[in-house]
Amino acid sequence: MILGTAFAMMMQNGTPIDIIAQASVKAPELGQVANQPLASYLGSFVIWAAAIPVIPHIVMRVFTAKDSEGARLSLNIAMVMYSIMILAAVMVIVPVGKMSFPNLQDADQIFLEVMKNQFPPLIRGLAVAAVIAAVMSTTDALLLACSSAISHDLLGDYLKEHVSEKTENRINVAIVWVVGIAAMIFAYSPPKLITEFYSAAIGMLSAGLFVPVVAGLWWKKANLFGGIASIVMGVGVYLTVQFNPDAPPLAAILYGLPASALAMVVFSQFGSITSNDIQSTIEGLHR
């Protein structure tokens, strides 16, 4: 839908370069660097650079591949498509929206406003349906990922030994409800731009999981004790900085990620060595 919208915009307004030039004349502030600290720009870059290996709804889909070759191919194709869609939105849809709606207060509405004013009712309906479908798909995947992470990854062994399968299923459902209600509470007081909220959440994932995932795959000395310490330290430092009112926006990752890496290196020295079977399995993934 994004690519189709961008293509239609280019048919009406010219190439992306022409569109940006026109938009810059009508809205000179478009493309100007916002008055934010350097740490905010670095933080935004680091968050999304470290996010791909740990974003649940992407990782879950990669794991559905039949083999490692299929997983690599699907991830690479996904990254190319993501890049194309982001460029289409930034270089075509946003400038056209800025030209058409210079006084739009809610920046998150720009895509829907462009669709409403540039396309017939049928296309507008399909666009809204596509947005809702994307929201439902991502939300569903994230809820299932949260439930699986808690009930299977964190409590899996304990639940199998102490509760029945029926009780375990009820716990899974309860976790989905708790996470869903918490998300709804946060949704009632969103920031001015939803991307800021989403980036902050992804930043916490990156701070806690990027180092354990990468070190677990590529560093032979990494072990369970170091991984747990890395997650706890990364998330703890990230949240401490994130909720500090004096900290620049999105800069918490610049503290959380190094703290996570340091914890991995230090605490892996005290943990037991990873078994040869696991190391052989991981080495097989590198081929």
C-alpha atoms as a PDB file:
ATOM      1  CA  MET A   1       0.000   0.000   0.000  1.00  0.00           C
ATOM      2  CA  ILE A   2       2.826   2.404   0.828  1.00  0.00           C
ATOM      3  CA  LEU A   3       4.627   1.661  -2.422  1.00  0.00           C
ATOM      4  CA  GLY A   4       1.412   1.999  -4.423  1.00  0.00           C
ATOM      5  CA  THR A   5       0.633   5.327  -2.777  1.00  0.00           C
ATOM      6  CA  ALA A   6       4.167   6.597  -3.403  1.00  0.00           C
ATOM      7  CA  PHE A   7       4.010   5.526  -7.053  1.00  0.00           C
ATOM      8  CA  ALA A   8       0.703   7.341  -7.542  1.00  0.00           C
ATOM      9  CA  MET A   9       2.174  10.442  -5.900  1.00  0.00           C
ATOM     10  CA  MET A  10       5.146  10.353  -8.279  1.00  0.00           C
ATOM     11  CA  MET A  11       2.821  10.059 -11.276  1.00  0.00           C
ATOM     12  CA  GLN A  12       1.141  13.292 -10.180  1.00  0.00           C
ATOM     13  CA  ASN A  13       4.083  15.263  -8.794  1.00  0.00           C
ATOM     14  CA  GLY A  14       7.249  13.969 -10.478  1.00  0.00           C
ATOM     15  CA  THR A  15      10.334  12.213  -9.157  1.00  0.00           C
ATOM     16  CA  PRO A  16      11.210  12.134  -5.445  1.00  0.00           C
ATOM     17  CA  ILE A  17      13.816  14.855  -6.052  1.00  0.00           C
ATOM     18  CA  ASP A  18      11.181  17.072  -7.690  1.00  0.00           C
ATOM     19  CA  ILE A  19       8.715  16.386  -4.877  1.00  0.00           C
ATOM     20  CA  ILE A  20      11.238  17.257  -2.161  1.00  0.00           C
ATOM     21  CA  ALA A  21      12.225  20.434  -4.021  1.00  0.00           C
ATOM     22  CA  GLN A  22       8.576  21.525  -4.305  1.00  0.00           C
ATOM     23  CA  ALA A  23       7.871  20.700  -0.675  1.00  0.00           C
ATOM     24  CA  SER A  24      10.974  22.584   0.516  1.00  0.00           C
ATOM     25  CA  VAL A  25       9.739  25.728  -1.229  1.00  0.00           C
ATOM     26  CA  LYS A  26       6.264  25.537   0.319  1.00  0.00           C
ATOM     27  CA  ALA A  27       7.492  24.307   3.699  1.00  0.00           C
ATOM     28  CA  PRO A  28      11.097  25.464   4.294  1.00  0.00           C
ATOM     29  CA  GLU A  29      11.218  23.686   7.653  1.00  0.00           C
ATOM     30  CA  LEU A  30      10.907  20.305   5.911  1.00  0.00           C
ATOM     31  CA  GLY A  31      14.205  18.483   6.092  1.00  0.00           C
ATOM     32  CA  GLN A  32      15.778  20.894   8.529  1.00  0.00           C
ATOM     33  CA  VAL A  33      17.603  19.369  11.470  1.00  0.00           C
ATOM     34  CA  ALA A  34      15.445  19.564  14.574  1.00  0.00           C
ATOM     35  CA  ASN A  35      16.800  21.269  17.644  1.00  0.00           C
ATOM     36  CA  GLN A  36      17.769  18.060  19.430  1.00  0.00           C
ATOM     37  CA  PRO A  37      21.018  17.068  21.169  1.00  0.00           C
ATOM     38  CA  LEU A  38      23.515  15.008  19.215  1.00  0.00           C
ATOM     39  CA  ALA A  39      22.895  12.136  21.641  1.00  0.00           C
ATOM     40  CA  SER A  40      19.275  11.902  20.447  1.00  0.00           C
ATOM     41  CA  TYR A  41      20.322  11.443  16.814  1.00  0.00           C
ATOM     42  CA  LEU A  42      22.994   8.908  17.730  1.00  0.00           C
ATOM     43  CA  GLY A  43      20.536   7.099  19.983  1.00  0.00           C
ATOM     44  CA  SER A  44      17.901   6.865  17.263  1.00  0.00           C
ATOM     45  CA  PHE A  45      20.465   5.435  14.842  1.00  0.00           C
ATOM     46  CA  VAL A  46      21.829   2.903  17.347  1.00  0.00           C
ATOM     47  CA  ILE A  47      18.344   1.764  18.385  1.00  0.00           C
ATOM     48  CA  TRP A  48      17.305   0.816  14.883  1.00  0.00           C
ATOM     49  CA  ALA A  49      20.745  -0.483  13.905  1.00  0.00           C
ATOM     50  CA  ALA A  50      20.617  -2.931  16.816  1.00  0.00           C
ATOM     51  CA  ALA A  51      16.903  -3.701  16.601  1.00  0.00           C
ATOM     52  CA  ILE A  52      16.655  -6.086  13.654  1.00  0.00           C
ATOM     53  CA  PRO A  53      18.103  -9.195  15.394  1.00  0.00           C
ATOM     54  CA  VAL A  54      15.814  -8.774  18.413  1.00  0.00           C
ATOM     55  CA  ILE A  55      12.450  -7.416  17.206  1.00  0.00           C
ATOM     56  CA  PRO A  56      10.034 -10.260  18.088  1.00  0.00           C
ATOM     57  CA  HIS A  57       7.672 -10.067  15.116  1.00  0.00           C
ATOM     58  CA  ILE A  58      10.621 -10.178  12.688  1.00  0.00           C
ATOM     59  CA  VAL A  59      12.528 -12.924  14.497  1.00  0.00           C
ATOM     60  CA  MET A  60       9.389 -15.074  14.775  1.00  0.00           C
ATOM     61  CA  ARG A  61       8.862 -14.946  11.020  1.00  0.00           C
ATOM     62  CA  VAL A  62      12.505 -15.738  10.279  1.00  0.00           C
ATOM     63  CA  PHE A  63      12.282 -18.810  12.536  1.00  0.00           C
ATOM     64  CA  THR A  64       9.431 -20.178  10.422  1.00  0.00           C
ATOM     65  CA  ALA A  65      11.877 -20.786   7.548  1.00  0.00           C
ATOM     66  CA  LYS A  66      12.546 -24.415   6.647  1.00  0.00           C
ATOM     67  CA  ASP A  67      16.334 -24.081   6.947  1.00  0.00           C
ATOM     68  CA  SER A  68      19.101 -21.580   7.672  1.00  0.00           C
ATOM     69  CA  GLU A  69      19.441 -20.628   4.001  1.00  0.00           C
ATOM     70  CA  GLY A  70      15.760 -19.758   3.820  1.00  0.00           C
ATOM     71  CA  ALA A  71      16.042 -17.766   7.045  1.00  0.00           C
ATOM     72  CA  ARG A  72      18.943 -15.709   5.700  1.00  0.00           C
ATOM     73  CA  LEU A  73      17.171 -15.092   2.407  1.00  0.00           C
ATOM     74  CA  SER A  74      13.885 -14.087   4.032  1.00  0.00           C
ATOM     75  CA  LEU A  75      15.635 -11.695   6.430  1.00  0.00           C
ATOM     76  CA  ASN A  76      17.620 -10.057   3.620  1.00  0.00           C
ATOM     77  CA  ILE A  77      14.524  -9.661   1.459  1.00  0.00           C
ATOM     78  CA  ALA A  78      12.625  -8.214   4.410  1.00  0.00           C
ATOM     79  CA  MET A  79      15.368  -5.649   5.047  1.00  0.00           C
ATOM     80  CA  VAL A  80      15.370  -4.581   1.390  1.00  0.00           C
ATOM     81  CA  MET A  81      11.589  -4.185   1.406  1.00  0.00           C
ATOM     82  CA  TYR A  82      11.671  -2.269   4.694  1.00  0.00           C
ATOM     83  CA  SER A  83      14.293   0.089   3.256  1.00  0.00           C
ATOM     84  CA  ILE A  84      12.308   0.715   0.084  1.00  0.00           C
ATOM     85  CA  MET A  85       9.096   1.409   2.006  1.00  0.00           C
ATOM     86  CA  ILE A  86      10.835   3.766   4.427  1.00  0.00           C
ATOM     87  CA  LEU A  87      12.438   5.699   1.565  1.00  0.00           C
ATOM     88  CA  ALA A  88       9.099   5.859  -0.270  1.00  0.00           C
ATOM     89  CA  ALA A  89       7.385   7.266   2.811  1.00  0.00           C
ATOM     90  CA  VAL A  90      10.128   9.766   3.670  1.00  0.00           C
ATOM     91  CA  MET A  91      10.901  10.999   0.157  1.00  0.00           C
ATOM     92  CA  VAL A  92       7.418  10.946  -1.407  1.00  0.00           C
ATOM     93  CA  ILE A  93       4.429  10.586   0.916  1.00  0.00           C
ATOM     94  CA  VAL A  94       5.635  12.898   3.695  1.00  0.00           C
ATOM     95  CA  PRO A  95       6.654  15.778   1.352  1.00  0.00           C
ATOM     96  CA  VAL A  96       3.349  15.534  -0.529  1.00  0.00           C
ATOM     97  CA  GLY A  97       1.496  15.542   2.778  1.00  0.00           C
ATOM     98  CA  LYS A  98       3.485  18.550   3.949  1.00  0.00           C
ATOM     99  CA  MET A  99       2.578  20.449   0.785  1.00  0.00           C
ATOM    100  CA  SER A 100      -1.089  19.517   1.000  1.00  0.00           C
ATOM    101  CA  PHE A 101      -1.543  19.910   4.768  1.00  0.00           C
ATOM    102  CA  PRO A 102       0.986  22.459   6.073  1.00  0.00           C
ATOM    103  CA  ASN A 103      -1.017  23.040   9.259  1.00  0.00           C
ATOM    104  CA  LEU A 104      -1.638  19.397  10.181  1.00  0.00           C
ATOM    105  CA  GLN A 105      -1.316  19.091  13.957  1.00  0.00           C
ATOM    106  CA  ASP A 106      -1.057  15.305  14.301  1.00  0.00           C
ATOM    107  CA  ALA A 107       1.861  14.078  12.187  1.00  0.00           C
ATOM    108  CA  ASP A 108       0.728  10.446  12.595  1.00  0.00           C
ATOM    109  CA  GLN A 109      -2.347  11.238  10.474  1.00  0.00           C
ATOM    110  CA  ILE A 110      -0.433  12.358   7.391  1.00  0.00           C
ATOM    111  CA  PHE A 111      -0.758   9.047   5.510  1.00  0.00           C
ATOM    112  CA  LEU A 112      -4.521   8.887   6.050  1.00  0.00           C
ATOM    113  CA  GLU A 113      -4.921  12.552   5.086  1.00  0.00           C
ATOM    114  CA  VAL A 114      -3.019  11.984   1.845  1.00  0.00           C
ATOM    115  CA  MET A 115      -5.186   8.973   1.059  1.00  0.00           C
ATOM    116  CA  LYS A 116      -8.380  10.863   1.880  1.00  0.00           C
ATOM    117  CA  ASN A 117      -7.620  13.778  -0.411  1.00  0.00           C
ATOM    118  CA  GLN A 118      -5.739  12.120  -3.269  1.00  0.00           C
ATOM    119  CA  PHE A 119      -7.656   8.897  -3.939  1.00  0.00           C
ATOM    120  CA  PRO A 120     -11.243   7.739  -4.599  1.00  0.00           C
ATOM    121  CA  PRO A 121     -13.359   6.088  -1.860  1.00  0.00           C
ATOM    122  CA  LEU A 122     -12.496   2.509  -2.878  1.00  0.00           C
ATOM    123  CA  ILE A 123      -8.750   3.118  -2.606  1.00  0.00           C
ATOM    124  CA  ARG A 124      -9.237   4.977   0.671  1.00  0.00           C
ATOM    125  CA  GLY A 125     -11.129   2.013   2.093  1.00  0.00           C
ATOM    126  CA  LEU A 126      -8.401  -0.402   1.026  1.00  0.00           C
ATOM    127  CA  ALA A 127      -5.762   1.856   2.585  1.00  0.00           C
ATOM    128  CA  VAL A 128      -7.558   2.003   5.929  1.00  0.00           C
ATOM    129  CA  ALA A 129      -8.064  -1.775   5.836  1.00  0.00           C
ATOM    130  CA  ALA A 130      -4.346  -2.249   5.128  1.00  0.00           C
ATOM    131  CA  VAL A 131      -3.374  -0.042   8.076  1.00  0.00           C
ATOM    132  CA  ILE A 132      -5.744  -1.865  10.428  1.00  0.00           C
ATOM    133  CA  ALA A 133      -4.517  -5.260   9.177  1.00  0.00           C
ATOM    134  CA  ALA A 134      -0.889  -4.238   9.763  1.00  0.00           C
ATOM    135  CA  VAL A 135      -1.689  -3.017  13.273  1.00  0.00           C
ATOM    136  CA  MET A 136      -3.598  -6.198  14.124  1.00  0.00           C
ATOM    137  CA  SER A 137      -0.885  -8.461  12.706  1.00  0.00           C
ATOM    138  CA  THR A 138       1.950  -6.738  14.569  1.00  0.00           C
ATOM    139  CA  THR A 139      -0.020  -6.480  17.812  1.00  0.00           C
ATOM    140  CA  ASP A 140      -0.996 -10.147  17.643  1.00  0.00           C
ATOM    141  CA  ALA A 141       2.604 -11.211  17.012  1.00  0.00           C
ATOM    142  CA  LEU A 142       3.934  -9.088  19.870  1.00  0.00           C
ATOM    143  CA  LEU A 143       1.315 -10.363  22.333  1.00  0.00           C
ATOM    144  CA  LEU A 144       2.133 -13.961  21.443  1.00  0.00           C
ATOM    145  CA  ALA A 145       5.851 -13.196  21.700  1.00  0.00           C
ATOM    146  CA  CYS A 146       5.403 -11.729  25.194  1.00  0.00           C
ATOM    147  CA  SER A 147       3.334 -14.704  26.310  1.00  0.00           C
ATOM    148  CA  SER A 148       5.849 -17.183  24.908  1.00  0.00           C
ATOM    149  CA  ALA A 149       8.831 -15.327  26.381  1.00  0.00           C
ATOM    150  CA  ILE A 150       7.378 -15.383  29.892  1.00  0.00           C
ATOM    151  CA  SER A 151       5.606 -18.741  30.010  1.00  0.00           C
ATOM    152  CA  HIS A 152       8.058 -20.742  27.884  1.00  0.00           C
ATOM    153  CA  ASP A 153      11.472 -19.071  28.031  1.00  0.00           C
ATOM    154  CA  LEU A 154      11.416 -17.764  31.609  1.00  0.00           C
ATOM    155  CA  LEU A 155       9.034 -20.122  33.428  1.00  0.00           C
ATOM    156  CA  GLY A 156       8.989 -23.096  31.063  1.00  0.00           C
ATOM    157  CA  ASP A 157      10.872 -25.648  33.161  1.00  0.00           C
ATOM    158  CA  TYR A 158       9.099 -24.657  36.383  1.00  0.00           C
ATOM    159  CA  LEU A 159       5.622 -24.811  34.817  1.00  0.00           C
ATOM    160  CA  LYS A 160       6.234 -28.225  33.250  1.00  0.00           C
ATOM    161  CA  GLU A 161       7.267 -29.683  36.601  1.00  0.00           C
ATOM    162  CA  HIS A 162       4.640 -28.087  38.861  1.00  0.00           C
ATOM    163  CA  VAL A 163       1.449 -27.394  36.886  1.00  0.00           C
ATOM    164  CA  SER A 164      -0.756 -29.210  34.405  1.00  0.00           C
ATOM    165  CA  GLU A 165      -0.951 -28.380  30.713  1.00  0.00           C
ATOM    166  CA  LYS A 166      -4.404 -26.850  31.234  1.00  0.00           C
ATOM    167  CA  THR A 167      -3.080 -24.528  33.941  1.00  0.00           C
ATOM    168  CA  GLU A 168      -0.125 -23.605  31.747  1.00  0.00           C
ATOM    169  CA  ASN A 169      -2.494 -22.602  28.944  1.00  0.00           C
ATOM    170  CA  ARG A 170      -4.464 -20.458  31.376  1.00  0.00           C
ATOM    171  CA  ILE A 171      -1.247 -18.739  32.431  1.00  0.00           C
ATOM    172  CA  ASN A 172      -0.482 -18.008  28.766  1.00  0.00           C
ATOM    173  CA  VAL A 173      -3.905 -16.414  28.328  1.00  0.00           C
ATOM    174  CA  ALA A 174      -3.498 -14.414  31.544  1.00  0.00           C
ATOM    175  CA  ILE A 175      -0.141 -13.060  30.377  1.00  0.00           C
ATOM    176  CA  VAL A 176      -1.689 -11.919  27.092  1.00  0.00           C
ATOM    177  CA  TRP A 177      -4.422 -10.094  29.015  1.00  0.00           C
ATOM    178  CA  VAL A 178      -1.957  -8.411  31.383  1.00  0.00           C
ATOM    179  CA  VAL A 179       0.333  -7.256  28.580  1.00  0.00           C
ATOM    180  CA  GLY A 180      -2.614  -6.139  26.453  1.00  0.00           C
ATOM    181  CA  ILE A 181      -4.179  -4.107  29.254  1.00  0.00           C
ATOM    182  CA  ALA A 182      -0.816  -2.497  30.046  1.00  0.00           C
ATOM    183  CA  ALA A 183      -0.433  -1.542  26.379  1.00  0.00           C
ATOM    184  CA  MET A 184      -3.927  -0.012  26.371  1.00  0.00           C
ATOM    185  CA  ILE A 185      -3.088   2.072  29.445  1.00  0.00           C
ATOM    186  CA  PHE A 186       0.003   3.481  27.740  1.00  0.00           C
ATOM    187  CA  ALA A 187      -1.999   4.079  24.547  1.00  0.00           C
ATOM    188  CA  TYR A 188      -4.362   6.465  26.349  1.00  0.00           C
ATOM    189  CA  SER A 189      -1.522   8.971  26.849  1.00  0.00           C
ATOM    190  CA  PRO A 190       0.622   8.713  23.714  1.00  0.00           C
ATOM    191  CA  PRO A 191       3.458  11.129  22.861  1.00  0.00           C
ATOM    192  CA  LYS A 192       3.110  13.717  20.102  1.00  0.00           C
ATOM    193  CA  LEU A 193       4.579  11.240  17.632  1.00  0.00           C
ATOM    194  CA  ILE A 194       3.892   7.525  18.086  1.00  0.00           C
ATOM    195  CA  THR A 195       7.282   6.718  16.552  1.00  0.00           C
ATOM    196  CA  GLU A 196       8.954   8.161  19.660  1.00  0.00           C
ATOM    197  CA  PHE A 197       7.009   5.758  21.885  1.00  0.00           C
ATOM    198  CA  TYR A 198       7.708   2.806  19.607  1.00  0.00           C
ATOM    199  CA  SER A 199      11.407   3.670  19.322  1.00  0.00           C
ATOM    200  CA  ALA A 200      11.732   3.898  23.107  1.00  0.00           C
ATOM    201  CA  ALA A 201      10.221   0.412  23.497  1.00  0.00           C
ATOM    202  CA  ILE A 202      12.432  -1.036  20.767  1.00  0.00           C
ATOM    203  CA  GLY A 203      15.386   0.645  22.458  1.00  0.00           C
ATOM    204  CA  MET A 204      14.723  -1.327  25.631  1.00  0.00           C
ATOM    205  CA  LEU A 205      14.663  -4.563  23.619  1.00  0.00           C
ATOM    206  CA  SER A 206      17.921  -3.627  21.907  1.00  0.00           C
ATOM    207  CA  ALA A 207      19.603  -2.676  25.183  1.00  0.00           C
ATOM    208  CA  GLY A 208      18.669  -5.980  26.780  1.00  0.00           C
ATOM    209  CA  LEU A 209      18.827  -8.519  23.963  1.00  0.00           C
ATOM    210  CA  PHE A 210      21.226  -7.338  21.249  1.00  0.00           C
ATOM    211  CA  VAL A 211      24.439  -8.178  23.106  1.00  0.00           C
ATOM    212  CA  PRO A 212      23.278 -11.608  24.417  1.00  0.00           C
ATOM    213  CA  VAL A 213      22.035 -12.627  20.956  1.00  0.00           C
ATOM    214  CA  VAL A 214      25.144 -11.506  19.077  1.00  0.00           C
ATOM    215  CA  ALA A 215      27.581 -12.719  21.747  1.00  0.00           C
ATOM    216  CA  GLY A 216      25.755 -16.030  22.029  1.00  0.00           C
ATOM    217  CA  LEU A 217      26.198 -16.602  18.306  1.00  0.00           C
ATOM    218  CA  TRP A 218      29.729 -15.294  17.812  1.00  0.00           C
ATOM    219  CA  TRP A 219      31.621 -15.311  21.136  1.00  0.00           C
ATOM    220  CA  LYS A 220      32.599 -18.752  22.405  1.00  0.00           C
ATOM    221  CA  LYS A 221      33.115 -17.570  25.984  1.00  0.00           C
ATOM    222  CA  ALA A 222      29.517 -16.325  26.302  1.00  0.00           C
ATOM    223  CA  ASN A 223      27.387 -18.372  28.701  1.00  0.00           C
ATOM    224  CA  LEU A 224      24.059 -18.364  30.523  1.00  0.00           C
ATOM    225  CA  PHE A 225      25.284 -16.392  33.530  1.00  0.00           C
ATOM    226  CA  GLY A 226      26.779 -13.698  31.328  1.00  0.00           C
ATOM    227  CA  GLY A 227      23.639 -13.558  29.193  1.00  0.00           C
ATOM    228  CA  ILE A 228      21.325 -13.062  32.171  1.00  0.00           C
ATOM    229  CA  ALA A 229      23.596 -10.382  33.630  1.00  0.00           C
ATOM    230  CA  SER A 230      23.764  -8.679  30.234  1.00  0.00           C
ATOM    231  CA  ILE A 231      19.975  -8.528  29.939  1.00  0.00           C
ATOM    232  CA  VAL A 232      19.439  -7.275  33.488  1.00  0.00           C
ATOM    233  CA  MET A 233      22.176  -4.655  33.300  1.00  0.00           C
ATOM    234  CA  GLY A 234      21.226  -3.424  29.835  1.00  0.00           C
ATOM    235  CA  VAL A 235      17.530  -3.043  30.624  1.00  0.00           C
ATOM    236  CA  GLY A 236      18.202  -1.610  34.083  1.00  0.00           C
ATOM    237  CA  VAL A 237      20.560   1.100  32.842  1.00  0.00           C
ATOM    238  CA  TYR A 238      18.300   1.848  29.875  1.00  0.00           C
ATOM    239  CA  LEU A 239      15.202   2.359  32.035  1.00  0.00           C
ATOM    240  CA  THR A 240      17.147   4.434  34.560  1.00  0.00           C
ATOM    241  CA  VAL A 241      18.309   6.855  31.872  1.00  0.00           C
ATOM    242  CA  GLN A 242      15.039   6.741  29.921  1.00  0.00           C
ATOM    243  CA  PHE A 243      12.977   7.917  32.892  1.00  0.00           C
ATOM    244  CA  ASN A 244      15.496  10.571  33.871  1.00  0.00           C
ATOM    245  CA  PRO A 245      13.798  13.877  32.943  1.00  0.00           C
ATOM    246  CA  ASP A 246      17.170  15.483  32.191  1.00  0.00           C
ATOM    247  CA  ALA A 247      18.267  12.809  29.693  1.00  0.00           C
ATOM    248  CA  PRO A 248      17.976  13.610  25.948  1.00  0.00           C
ATOM    249  CA  PRO A 249      15.212  11.704  24.102  1.00  0.00           C
ATOM    250  CA  LEU A 250      16.217   8.274  22.763  1.00  0.00           C
ATOM    251  CA  ALA A 251      19.713   8.613  24.254  1.00  0.00           C
ATOM    252  CA  ALA A 252      19.269   5.853  26.854  1.00  0.00           C
ATOM    253  CA  ILE A 253      20.484   3.208  24.402  1.00  0.00           C
ATOM    254  CA  LEU A 254      23.923   4.869  24.376  1.00  0.00           C
ATOM    255  CA  TYR A 255      24.263   3.896  28.042  1.00  0.00           C
ATOM    256  CA  GLY A 256      22.276   0.660  28.118  1.00  0.00           C
ATOM    257  CA  LEU A 257      24.065  -1.071  25.243  1.00  0.00           C
ATOM    258  CA  PRO A 258      27.633  -0.562  26.571  1.00  0.00           C
ATOM    259  CA  ALA A 259      26.453  -1.593  30.056  1.00  0.00           C
ATOM    260  CA  SER A 260      24.982  -4.774  28.586  1.00  0.00           C
ATOM    261  CA  ALA A 261      28.220  -5.544  26.717  1.00  0.00           C
ATOM    262  CA  LEU A 262      30.323  -4.904  29.820  1.00  0.00           C
ATOM    263  CA  ALA A 263      28.126  -7.199  31.910  1.00  0.00           C
ATOM    264  CA  MET A 264      28.406  -9.931  29.285  1.00  0.00           C
ATOM    265  CA  VAL A 265      32.208  -9.778  29.281  1.00  0.00           C
ATOM    266  CA  VAL A 266      32.603  -9.566  33.059  1.00  0.00           C
ATOM    267  CA  PHE A 267      30.004 -12.070  34.244  1.00  0.00           C
ATOM    268  CA  SER A 268      30.755 -14.653  31.559  1.00  0.00           C
ATOM    269  CA  GLN A 269      34.070 -15.157  33.357  1.00  0.00           C
ATOM    270  CA  PHE A 270      32.180 -16.531  36.375  1.00  0.00           C
ATOM    271  CA  GLY A 271      29.698 -18.768  34.570  1.00  0.00           C
ATOM    272  CA  SER A 272      30.110 -22.352  33.426  1.00  0.00           C
ATOM    273  CA  ILE A 273      31.537 -23.009  29.977  1.00  0.00           C
ATOM    274  CA  THR A 274      28.971 -23.650  27.244  1.00  0.00           C
ATOM    275  CA  SER A 275      28.793 -27.338  26.320  1.00  0.00           C
ATOM    276  CA  ASN A 276      30.568 -28.605  23.211  1.00  0.00           C
ATOM    277  CA  ASP A 277      27.269 -29.753  21.693  1.00  0.00           C
ATOM    278  CA  ILE A 278      25.817 -26.242  21.827  1.00  0.00           C
ATOM    279  CA  GLN A 279      29.027 -24.729  20.464  1.00  0.00           C
ATOM    280  CA  SER A 280      29.027 -27.221  17.582  1.00  0.00           C
ATOM    281  CA  THR A 281      25.407 -26.372  16.783  1.00  0.00           C
ATOM    282  CA  ILE A 282      26.173 -22.651  16.738  1.00  0.00           C
ATOM    283  CA  GLU A 283      29.259 -23.156  14.571  1.00  0.00           C
ATOM    284  CA  GLY A 284      27.070 -25.040  12.120  1.00  0.00           C
ATOM    285  CA  LEU A 285      24.882 -21.959  11.770  1.00  0.00           C
ATOM    286  CA  HIS A 286      27.903 -19.937  10.629  1.00  0.00           C
ATOM    287  CA  ARG A 287      28.475 -22.081   7.566  1.00  0.00           C
END
